[in-house]
Full PDB file with SEQRES, HELIX, SHEET, SSBOND, CRYST1, ORIGX, SCALE, CONECT and MASTER records, all heavy atoms in Angstrom:
SEQRES   1 A   33  LYS GLU VAL LYS LYS CYS PHE PRO ASN LYS ASP ILE GLY          
SEQRES   2 A   33  ILE PHE PRO PRO TYR GLY LYS TRP SER ASN ASP LEU ARG          
SEQRES   3 A   33  LYS HIS ALA ASP PHE VAL ILE                                  
HELIX    1 AA1 GLU A    2  CYS A    6  1                                   5    
HELIX    2 AA2 ASN A   23  HIS A   28  1                                   6    
SHEET    1 AA1 2 GLY A  13  ILE A  14  0                                        
SHEET    2 AA1 2 PHE A  31  VAL A  32  1                                        
CRYST1    1.000    1.000    1.000  90.00  90.00  90.00 P 1           1          
ORIGX1      1.000000  0.000000  0.000000        0.00000                         
ORIGX2      0.000000  1.000000  0.000000        0.00000                         
ORIGX3      0.000000  0.000000  1.000000        0.00000                         
SCALE1      1.000000  0.000000  0.000000        0.00000                         
SCALE2      0.000000  1.000000  0.000000        0.00000                         
SCALE3      0.000000  0.000000  1.000000        0.00000                         
ATOM      1  N   LYS A   1      12.156  -8.033  16.554  1.00  0.00           N  
ATOM      2  CA  LYS A   1      13.371  -8.171  17.466  1.00  0.00           C  
ATOM      3  C   LYS A   1      13.767  -9.664  17.436  1.00  0.00           C  
ATOM      4  O   LYS A   1      14.977  -9.959  17.403  1.00  0.00           O  
ATOM      5  CB  LYS A   1      13.052  -7.753  18.832  1.00  0.00           C  
ATOM      6  CG  LYS A   1      12.909  -6.251  19.062  1.00  0.00           C  
ATOM      7  CD  LYS A   1      12.626  -6.044  20.552  1.00  0.00           C  
ATOM      8  CE  LYS A   1      12.566  -4.501  20.822  1.00  0.00           C  
ATOM      9  NZ  LYS A   1      12.312  -4.226  22.268  1.00  0.00           N  
ATOM     10  N   GLU A   2      12.794 -10.558  17.544  1.00  0.00           N  
ATOM     11  CA  GLU A   2      13.150 -11.967  17.576  1.00  0.00           C  
ATOM     12  C   GLU A   2      13.760 -12.515  16.254  1.00  0.00           C  
ATOM     13  O   GLU A   2      14.744 -13.316  16.256  1.00  0.00           O  
ATOM     14  CB  GLU A   2      11.897 -12.828  17.959  1.00  0.00           C  
ATOM     15  CG  GLU A   2      11.508 -12.700  19.444  1.00  0.00           C  
ATOM     16  CD  GLU A   2      12.628 -13.103  20.430  1.00  0.00           C  
ATOM     17  OE1 GLU A   2      13.184 -14.200  20.217  1.00  0.00           O  
ATOM     18  OE2 GLU A   2      12.879 -12.275  21.244  1.00  0.00           O  
ATOM     19  N   VAL A   3      13.207 -12.008  15.162  1.00  0.00           N  
ATOM     20  CA  VAL A   3      13.731 -12.496  13.868  1.00  0.00           C  
ATOM     21  C   VAL A   3      15.204 -11.945  13.725  1.00  0.00           C  
ATOM     22  O   VAL A   3      16.068 -12.710  13.277  1.00  0.00           O  
ATOM     23  CB  VAL A   3      12.892 -11.953  12.722  1.00  0.00           C  
ATOM     24  CG1 VAL A   3      13.566 -12.199  11.351  1.00  0.00           C  
ATOM     25  CG2 VAL A   3      11.516 -12.602  12.735  1.00  0.00           C  
ATOM     26  N   LYS A   4      15.439 -10.734  14.102  1.00  0.00           N  
ATOM     27  CA  LYS A   4      16.745 -10.156  14.004  1.00  0.00           C  
ATOM     28  C   LYS A   4      17.729 -10.887  14.902  1.00  0.00           C  
ATOM     29  O   LYS A   4      18.937 -11.034  14.602  1.00  0.00           O  
ATOM     30  CB  LYS A   4      16.711  -8.634  14.310  1.00  0.00           C  
ATOM     31  CG  LYS A   4      16.055  -7.859  13.235  1.00  0.00           C  
ATOM     32  CD  LYS A   4      15.922  -6.419  13.615  1.00  0.00           C  
ATOM     33  CE  LYS A   4      17.233  -5.687  13.932  1.00  0.00           C  
ATOM     34  NZ  LYS A   4      18.152  -5.677  12.832  1.00  0.00           N  
ATOM     35  N   LYS A   5      17.217 -11.286  16.098  1.00  0.00           N  
ATOM     36  CA  LYS A   5      18.068 -12.036  17.100  1.00  0.00           C  
ATOM     37  C   LYS A   5      18.486 -13.397  16.537  1.00  0.00           C  
ATOM     38  O   LYS A   5      19.565 -13.852  16.622  1.00  0.00           O  
ATOM     39  CB  LYS A   5      17.339 -12.124  18.409  1.00  0.00           C  
ATOM     40  CG  LYS A   5      18.198 -12.820  19.500  1.00  0.00           C  
ATOM     41  CD  LYS A   5      17.408 -13.098  20.739  1.00  0.00           C  
ATOM     42  CE  LYS A   5      16.696 -11.855  21.271  1.00  0.00           C  
ATOM     43  NZ  LYS A   5      15.908 -12.211  22.556  1.00  0.00           N  
ATOM     44  N   CYS A   6      17.441 -14.129  15.997  1.00  0.00           N  
ATOM     45  CA  CYS A   6      17.657 -15.526  15.637  1.00  0.00           C  
ATOM     46  C   CYS A   6      18.232 -15.627  14.162  1.00  0.00           C  
ATOM     47  O   CYS A   6      18.929 -16.608  13.869  1.00  0.00           O  
ATOM     48  CB  CYS A   6      16.315 -16.287  15.583  1.00  0.00           C  
ATOM     49  SG  CYS A   6      15.595 -16.417  17.230  1.00  0.00           S  
ATOM     50  N   PHE A   7      18.016 -14.587  13.331  1.00  0.00           N  
ATOM     51  CA  PHE A   7      18.480 -14.600  11.967  1.00  0.00           C  
ATOM     52  C   PHE A   7      19.227 -13.273  11.701  1.00  0.00           C  
ATOM     53  O   PHE A   7      18.703 -12.407  10.903  1.00  0.00           O  
ATOM     54  CB  PHE A   7      17.342 -14.841  10.993  1.00  0.00           C  
ATOM     55  CG  PHE A   7      16.586 -16.029  11.315  1.00  0.00           C  
ATOM     56  CD1 PHE A   7      15.385 -15.936  12.021  1.00  0.00           C  
ATOM     57  CD2 PHE A   7      16.982 -17.363  10.909  1.00  0.00           C  
ATOM     58  CE1 PHE A   7      14.611 -17.101  12.396  1.00  0.00           C  
ATOM     59  CE2 PHE A   7      16.217 -18.432  11.282  1.00  0.00           C  
ATOM     60  CZ  PHE A   7      15.079 -18.334  11.948  1.00  0.00           C  
ATOM     61  N   PRO A   8      20.405 -13.101  12.268  1.00  0.00           N  
ATOM     62  CA  PRO A   8      21.070 -11.772  12.149  1.00  0.00           C  
ATOM     63  C   PRO A   8      21.519 -11.439  10.684  1.00  0.00           C  
ATOM     64  O   PRO A   8      21.760 -10.277  10.385  1.00  0.00           O  
ATOM     65  CB  PRO A   8      22.281 -11.937  12.987  1.00  0.00           C  
ATOM     66  CG  PRO A   8      22.505 -13.408  13.160  1.00  0.00           C  
ATOM     67  CD  PRO A   8      21.132 -14.014  13.119  1.00  0.00           C  
ATOM     68  N   ASN A   9      21.432 -12.476   9.796  1.00  0.00           N  
ATOM     69  CA  ASN A   9      21.788 -12.157   8.420  1.00  0.00           C  
ATOM     70  C   ASN A   9      20.583 -11.678   7.649  1.00  0.00           C  
ATOM     71  O   ASN A   9      20.761 -11.227   6.471  1.00  0.00           O  
ATOM     72  CB  ASN A   9      22.284 -13.525   7.741  1.00  0.00           C  
ATOM     73  CG  ASN A   9      21.300 -14.576   7.728  1.00  0.00           C  
ATOM     74  OD1 ASN A   9      20.624 -14.779   8.760  1.00  0.00           O  
ATOM     75  ND2 ASN A   9      21.152 -15.364   6.679  1.00  0.00           N  
ATOM     76  N   LYS A  10      19.420 -11.613   8.237  1.00  0.00           N  
ATOM     77  CA  LYS A  10      18.233 -11.145   7.532  1.00  0.00           C  
ATOM     78  C   LYS A  10      18.086  -9.577   7.796  1.00  0.00           C  
ATOM     79  O   LYS A  10      18.261  -9.192   8.959  1.00  0.00           O  
ATOM     80  CB  LYS A  10      16.968 -11.837   8.029  1.00  0.00           C  
ATOM     81  CG  LYS A  10      16.955 -13.357   7.933  1.00  0.00           C  
ATOM     82  CD  LYS A  10      17.036 -13.837   6.440  1.00  0.00           C  
ATOM     83  CE  LYS A  10      16.953 -15.389   6.396  1.00  0.00           C  
ATOM     84  NZ  LYS A  10      17.106 -15.839   5.051  1.00  0.00           N  
ATOM     85  N   ASP A  11      17.742  -8.836   6.772  1.00  0.00           N  
ATOM     86  CA  ASP A  11      17.384  -7.465   6.982  1.00  0.00           C  
ATOM     87  C   ASP A  11      15.946  -7.310   7.137  1.00  0.00           C  
ATOM     88  O   ASP A  11      15.159  -7.785   6.332  1.00  0.00           O  
ATOM     89  CB  ASP A  11      17.912  -6.574   5.759  1.00  0.00           C  
ATOM     90  CG  ASP A  11      19.403  -6.455   5.719  1.00  0.00           C  
ATOM     91  OD1 ASP A  11      20.027  -6.530   6.796  1.00  0.00           O  
ATOM     92  OD2 ASP A  11      19.912  -6.328   4.591  1.00  0.00           O  
ATOM     93  N   ILE A  12      15.540  -6.557   8.171  1.00  0.00           N  
ATOM     94  CA  ILE A  12      14.112  -6.340   8.438  1.00  0.00           C  
ATOM     95  C   ILE A  12      13.824  -4.808   8.400  1.00  0.00           C  
ATOM     96  O   ILE A  12      14.368  -4.082   9.240  1.00  0.00           O  
ATOM     97  CB  ILE A  12      13.628  -6.877   9.821  1.00  0.00           C  
ATOM     98  CG1 ILE A  12      14.117  -8.338   9.987  1.00  0.00           C  
ATOM     99  CG2 ILE A  12      12.118  -6.791   9.910  1.00  0.00           C  
ATOM    100  CD1 ILE A  12      13.496  -9.274   9.070  1.00  0.00           C  
ATOM    101  N   GLY A  13      13.061  -4.370   7.456  1.00  0.00           N  
ATOM    102  CA  GLY A  13      12.689  -2.964   7.330  1.00  0.00           C  
ATOM    103  C   GLY A  13      11.280  -2.706   7.470  1.00  0.00           C  
ATOM    104  O   GLY A  13      10.458  -3.666   7.530  1.00  0.00           O  
ATOM    105  N   ILE A  14      10.872  -1.423   7.597  1.00  0.00           N  
ATOM    106  CA  ILE A  14       9.454  -1.120   7.687  1.00  0.00           C  
ATOM    107  C   ILE A  14       9.116  -0.110   6.558  1.00  0.00           C  
ATOM    108  O   ILE A  14       9.963   0.675   6.155  1.00  0.00           O  
ATOM    109  CB  ILE A  14       9.072  -0.558   9.068  1.00  0.00           C  
ATOM    110  CG1 ILE A  14       9.885   0.712   9.395  1.00  0.00           C  
ATOM    111  CG2 ILE A  14       9.210  -1.576  10.163  1.00  0.00           C  
ATOM    112  CD1 ILE A  14       9.382   1.427  10.616  1.00  0.00           C  
ATOM    113  N   PHE A  15       7.877  -0.263   6.128  1.00  0.00           N  
ATOM    114  CA  PHE A  15       7.299   0.646   5.097  1.00  0.00           C  
ATOM    115  C   PHE A  15       5.946   1.058   5.670  1.00  0.00           C  
ATOM    116  O   PHE A  15       4.928   0.557   5.277  1.00  0.00           O  
ATOM    117  CB  PHE A  15       7.137  -0.090   3.765  1.00  0.00           C  
ATOM    118  CG  PHE A  15       6.713   0.676   2.614  1.00  0.00           C  
ATOM    119  CD1 PHE A  15       7.042   1.987   2.405  1.00  0.00           C  
ATOM    120  CD2 PHE A  15       5.911   0.084   1.671  1.00  0.00           C  
ATOM    121  CE1 PHE A  15       6.654   2.714   1.304  1.00  0.00           C  
ATOM    122  CE2 PHE A  15       5.464   0.781   0.480  1.00  0.00           C  
ATOM    123  CZ  PHE A  15       5.798   2.040   0.346  1.00  0.00           C  
ATOM    124  N   PRO A  16       5.950   2.027   6.608  1.00  0.00           N  
ATOM    125  CA  PRO A  16       4.711   2.478   7.253  1.00  0.00           C  
ATOM    126  C   PRO A  16       3.658   2.982   6.250  1.00  0.00           C  
ATOM    127  O   PRO A  16       4.039   3.748   5.373  1.00  0.00           O  
ATOM    128  CB  PRO A  16       5.109   3.502   8.270  1.00  0.00           C  
ATOM    129  CG  PRO A  16       6.577   3.378   8.395  1.00  0.00           C  
ATOM    130  CD  PRO A  16       7.098   2.828   7.052  1.00  0.00           C  
ATOM    131  N   PRO A  17       2.430   2.576   6.407  1.00  0.00           N  
ATOM    132  CA  PRO A  17       1.408   3.119   5.536  1.00  0.00           C  
ATOM    133  C   PRO A  17       1.344   4.685   5.627  1.00  0.00           C  
ATOM    134  O   PRO A  17       1.812   5.250   6.628  1.00  0.00           O  
ATOM    135  CB  PRO A  17       0.091   2.526   6.161  1.00  0.00           C  
ATOM    136  CG  PRO A  17       0.532   1.251   6.732  1.00  0.00           C  
ATOM    137  CD  PRO A  17       1.898   1.569   7.337  1.00  0.00           C  
ATOM    138  N   TYR A  18       0.871   5.254   4.588  1.00  0.00           N  
ATOM    139  CA  TYR A  18       0.895   6.744   4.508  1.00  0.00           C  
ATOM    140  C   TYR A  18       0.212   7.365   5.686  1.00  0.00           C  
ATOM    141  O   TYR A  18      -0.884   6.983   6.107  1.00  0.00           O  
ATOM    142  CB  TYR A  18       0.102   7.118   3.147  1.00  0.00           C  
ATOM    143  CG  TYR A  18       0.020   8.636   3.082  1.00  0.00           C  
ATOM    144  CD1 TYR A  18       1.052   9.394   2.566  1.00  0.00           C  
ATOM    145  CD2 TYR A  18      -1.162   9.282   3.374  1.00  0.00           C  
ATOM    146  CE1 TYR A  18       0.956  10.787   2.412  1.00  0.00           C  
ATOM    147  CE2 TYR A  18      -1.296  10.708   3.209  1.00  0.00           C  
ATOM    148  CZ  TYR A  18      -0.190  11.437   2.743  1.00  0.00           C  
ATOM    149  OH  TYR A  18      -0.290  12.741   2.588  1.00  0.00           O  
ATOM    150  N   GLY A  19       0.923   8.268   6.388  1.00  0.00           N  
ATOM    151  CA  GLY A  19       0.423   9.014   7.558  1.00  0.00           C  
ATOM    152  C   GLY A  19       0.563   8.229   8.849  1.00  0.00           C  
ATOM    153  O   GLY A  19       0.212   8.766   9.888  1.00  0.00           O  
ATOM    154  N   LYS A  20       1.132   7.021   8.771  1.00  0.00           N  
ATOM    155  CA  LYS A  20       1.386   6.204   9.979  1.00  0.00           C  
ATOM    156  C   LYS A  20       2.897   6.311  10.305  1.00  0.00           C  
ATOM    157  O   LYS A  20       3.711   6.395   9.439  1.00  0.00           O  
ATOM    158  CB  LYS A  20       0.957   4.797   9.789  1.00  0.00           C  
ATOM    159  CG  LYS A  20      -0.493   4.587   9.332  1.00  0.00           C  
ATOM    160  CD  LYS A  20      -1.465   4.674  10.507  1.00  0.00           C  
ATOM    161  CE  LYS A  20      -2.898   4.320  10.066  1.00  0.00           C  
ATOM    162  NZ  LYS A  20      -3.805   4.397  11.200  1.00  0.00           N  
ATOM    163  N   TRP A  21       3.135   6.096  11.629  1.00  0.00           N  
ATOM    164  CA  TRP A  21       4.578   6.049  12.046  1.00  0.00           C  
ATOM    165  C   TRP A  21       4.702   5.498  13.405  1.00  0.00           C  
ATOM    166  O   TRP A  21       3.763   5.493  14.206  1.00  0.00           O  
ATOM    167  CB  TRP A  21       5.098   7.527  12.076  1.00  0.00           C  
ATOM    168  CG  TRP A  21       6.599   7.597  12.057  1.00  0.00           C  
ATOM    169  CD1 TRP A  21       7.424   7.949  13.147  1.00  0.00           C  
ATOM    170  CD2 TRP A  21       7.437   7.359  11.014  1.00  0.00           C  
ATOM    171  NE1 TRP A  21       8.712   7.919  12.811  1.00  0.00           N  
ATOM    172  CE2 TRP A  21       8.767   7.592  11.475  1.00  0.00           C  
ATOM    173  CE3 TRP A  21       7.235   6.988   9.675  1.00  0.00           C  
ATOM    174  CZ2 TRP A  21       9.891   7.394  10.574  1.00  0.00           C  
ATOM    175  CZ3 TRP A  21       8.301   6.819   8.858  1.00  0.00           C  
ATOM    176  CH2 TRP A  21       9.607   6.984   9.276  1.00  0.00           C  
ATOM    177  N   SER A  22       5.839   4.866  13.636  1.00  0.00           N  
ATOM    178  CA  SER A  22       6.155   4.288  14.965  1.00  0.00           C  
ATOM    179  C   SER A  22       7.650   4.464  15.144  1.00  0.00           C  
ATOM    180  O   SER A  22       8.431   3.827  14.516  1.00  0.00           O  
ATOM    181  CB  SER A  22       5.771   2.801  14.982  1.00  0.00           C  
ATOM    182  OG  SER A  22       6.378   2.223  16.150  1.00  0.00           O  
ATOM    183  N   ASN A  23       7.942   5.258  16.119  1.00  0.00           N  
ATOM    184  CA  ASN A  23       9.403   5.519  16.487  1.00  0.00           C  
ATOM    185  C   ASN A  23      10.054   4.229  17.038  1.00  0.00           C  
ATOM    186  O   ASN A  23      11.195   3.970  16.716  1.00  0.00           O  
ATOM    187  CB  ASN A  23       9.548   6.643  17.542  1.00  0.00           C  
ATOM    188  CG  ASN A  23       9.260   8.019  16.923  1.00  0.00           C  
ATOM    189  OD1 ASN A  23       9.569   8.239  15.754  1.00  0.00           O  
ATOM    190  ND2 ASN A  23       8.732   8.876  17.690  1.00  0.00           N  
ATOM    191  N   ASP A  24       9.279   3.346  17.705  1.00  0.00           N  
ATOM    192  CA  ASP A  24       9.838   2.152  18.220  1.00  0.00           C  
ATOM    193  C   ASP A  24      10.169   1.190  17.039  1.00  0.00           C  
ATOM    194  O   ASP A  24      11.273   0.662  17.097  1.00  0.00           O  
ATOM    195  CB  ASP A  24       8.797   1.445  19.085  1.00  0.00           C  
ATOM    196  CG  ASP A  24       8.584   2.126  20.501  1.00  0.00           C  
ATOM    197  OD1 ASP A  24       9.557   2.772  20.848  1.00  0.00           O  
ATOM    198  OD2 ASP A  24       7.494   1.959  21.071  1.00  0.00           O  
ATOM    199  N   LEU A  25       9.345   1.080  16.104  1.00  0.00           N  
ATOM    200  CA  LEU A  25       9.598   0.267  14.943  1.00  0.00           C  
ATOM    201  C   LEU A  25      10.868   0.867  14.133  1.00  0.00           C  
ATOM    202  O   LEU A  25      11.735   0.105  13.749  1.00  0.00           O  
ATOM    203  CB  LEU A  25       8.424   0.164  13.967  1.00  0.00           C  
ATOM    204  CG  LEU A  25       7.223  -0.656  14.418  1.00  0.00           C  
ATOM    205  CD1 LEU A  25       6.178  -0.550  13.347  1.00  0.00           C  
ATOM    206  CD2 LEU A  25       7.637  -2.086  14.654  1.00  0.00           C  
ATOM    207  N   ARG A  26      10.910   2.143  14.036  1.00  0.00           N  
ATOM    208  CA  ARG A  26      11.950   2.810  13.312  1.00  0.00           C  
ATOM    209  C   ARG A  26      13.306   2.513  13.957  1.00  0.00           C  
ATOM    210  O   ARG A  26      14.342   2.247  13.328  1.00  0.00           O  
ATOM    211  CB  ARG A  26      11.719   4.288  13.230  1.00  0.00           C  
ATOM    212  CG  ARG A  26      12.818   5.011  12.455  1.00  0.00           C  
ATOM    213  CD  ARG A  26      12.517   6.529  12.463  1.00  0.00           C  
ATOM    214  NE  ARG A  26      13.519   7.202  11.636  1.00  0.00           N  
ATOM    215  CZ  ARG A  26      13.624   8.562  11.523  1.00  0.00           C  
ATOM    216  NH1 ARG A  26      12.737   9.277  12.157  1.00  0.00           N  
ATOM    217  NH2 ARG A  26      14.545   9.062  10.766  1.00  0.00           N  
ATOM    218  N   LYS A  27      13.365   2.508  15.332  1.00  0.00           N  
ATOM    219  CA  LYS A  27      14.585   2.310  16.033  1.00  0.00           C  
ATOM    220  C   LYS A  27      15.167   0.933  15.894  1.00  0.00           C  
ATOM    221  O   LYS A  27      16.356   0.743  15.948  1.00  0.00           O  
ATOM    222  CB  LYS A  27      14.354   2.663  17.525  1.00  0.00           C  
ATOM    223  CG  LYS A  27      14.299   4.078  17.892  1.00  0.00           C  
ATOM    224  CD  LYS A  27      14.338   4.321  19.376  1.00  0.00           C  
ATOM    225  CE  LYS A  27      13.099   3.757  20.074  1.00  0.00           C  
ATOM    226  NZ  LYS A  27      13.042   4.153  21.461  1.00  0.00           N  
ATOM    227  N   HIS A  28      14.296  -0.006  15.678  1.00  0.00           N  
ATOM    228  CA  HIS A  28      14.772  -1.446  15.638  1.00  0.00           C  
ATOM    229  C   HIS A  28      14.814  -2.036  14.206  1.00  0.00           C  
ATOM    230  O   HIS A  28      15.158  -3.155  14.045  1.00  0.00           O  
ATOM    231  CB  HIS A  28      13.834  -2.298  16.539  1.00  0.00           C  
ATOM    232  CG  HIS A  28      14.059  -2.054  17.959  1.00  0.00           C  
ATOM    233  ND1 HIS A  28      13.330  -1.090  18.621  1.00  0.00           N  
ATOM    234  CD2 HIS A  28      14.874  -2.528  18.906  1.00  0.00           C  
ATOM    235  CE1 HIS A  28      13.722  -1.052  19.880  1.00  0.00           C  
ATOM    236  NE2 HIS A  28      14.633  -1.930  20.128  1.00  0.00           N  
ATOM    237  N   ALA A  29      14.387  -1.242  13.228  1.00  0.00           N  
ATOM    238  CA  ALA A  29      14.428  -1.722  11.860  1.00  0.00           C  
ATOM    239  C   ALA A  29      15.820  -1.479  11.226  1.00  0.00           C  
ATOM    240  O   ALA A  29      16.546  -0.506  11.627  1.00  0.00           O  
ATOM    241  CB  ALA A  29      13.338  -0.998  11.046  1.00  0.00           C  
ATOM    242  N   ASP A  30      16.170  -2.269  10.282  1.00  0.00           N  
ATOM    243  CA  ASP A  30      17.412  -2.041   9.529  1.00  0.00           C  
ATOM    244  C   ASP A  30      17.284  -0.937   8.523  1.00  0.00           C  
ATOM    245  O   ASP A  30      18.302  -0.320   8.200  1.00  0.00           O  
ATOM    246  CB  ASP A  30      17.851  -3.353   8.842  1.00  0.00           C  
ATOM    247  CG  ASP A  30      18.203  -4.459   9.757  1.00  0.00           C  
ATOM    248  OD1 ASP A  30      18.989  -4.212  10.687  1.00  0.00           O  
ATOM    249  OD2 ASP A  30      17.626  -5.571   9.686  1.00  0.00           O  
ATOM    250  N   PHE A  31      16.126  -0.644   8.075  1.00  0.00           N  
ATOM    251  CA  PHE A  31      15.861   0.414   7.158  1.00  0.00           C  
ATOM    252  C   PHE A  31      14.398   0.819   7.130  1.00  0.00           C  
ATOM    253  O   PHE A  31      13.538   0.051   7.628  1.00  0.00           O  
ATOM    254  CB  PHE A  31      16.261   0.004   5.681  1.00  0.00           C  
ATOM    255  CG  PHE A  31      15.522  -1.123   5.128  1.00  0.00           C  
ATOM    256  CD1 PHE A  31      14.373  -0.941   4.467  1.00  0.00           C  
ATOM    257  CD2 PHE A  31      15.952  -2.462   5.322  1.00  0.00           C  
ATOM    258  CE1 PHE A  31      13.626  -2.014   3.926  1.00  0.00           C  
ATOM    259  CE2 PHE A  31      15.315  -3.522   4.834  1.00  0.00           C  
ATOM    260  CZ  PHE A  31      14.136  -3.297   4.137  1.00  0.00           C  
ATOM    261  N   VAL A  32      14.118   2.015   6.708  1.00  0.00           N  
ATOM    262  CA  VAL A  32      12.755   2.621   6.673  1.00  0.00           C  
ATOM    263  C   VAL A  32      12.519   3.172   5.311  1.00  0.00           C  
ATOM    264  O   VAL A  32      13.337   3.906   4.782  1.00  0.00           O  
ATOM    265  CB  VAL A  32      12.501   3.673   7.756  1.00  0.00           C  
ATOM    266  CG1 VAL A  32      11.155   4.217   7.698  1.00  0.00           C  
ATOM    267  CG2 VAL A  32      12.810   3.138   9.169  1.00  0.00           C  
ATOM    268  N   ILE A  33      11.380   2.836   4.726  1.00  0.00           N  
ATOM    269  CA  ILE A  33      10.956   3.472   3.453  1.00  0.00           C  
ATOM    270  C   ILE A  33       9.711   4.291   3.768  1.00  0.00           C  
ATOM    271  O   ILE A  33       8.785   3.837   4.380  1.00  0.00           O  
ATOM    272  CB  ILE A  33      10.623   2.358   2.456  1.00  0.00           C  
ATOM    273  CG1 ILE A  33      11.749   1.401   2.262  1.00  0.00           C  
ATOM    274  CG2 ILE A  33      10.319   3.035   1.086  1.00  0.00           C  
ATOM    275  CD1 ILE A  33      11.382   0.174   1.369  1.00  0.00           C  
TER     276      ILE A  33                                                      
MASTER        0    0    0    2    2    0    0    6  275    1    0    3          
END                                                                             
């Protein structure tokens, strides 16, 4: 959240390890793999 707030030109995505998941991370990420 802080990186996205301070550097809005940066894309922050998540690549959760196999079998792992977080809806909170997904909601605030620019993309999910």
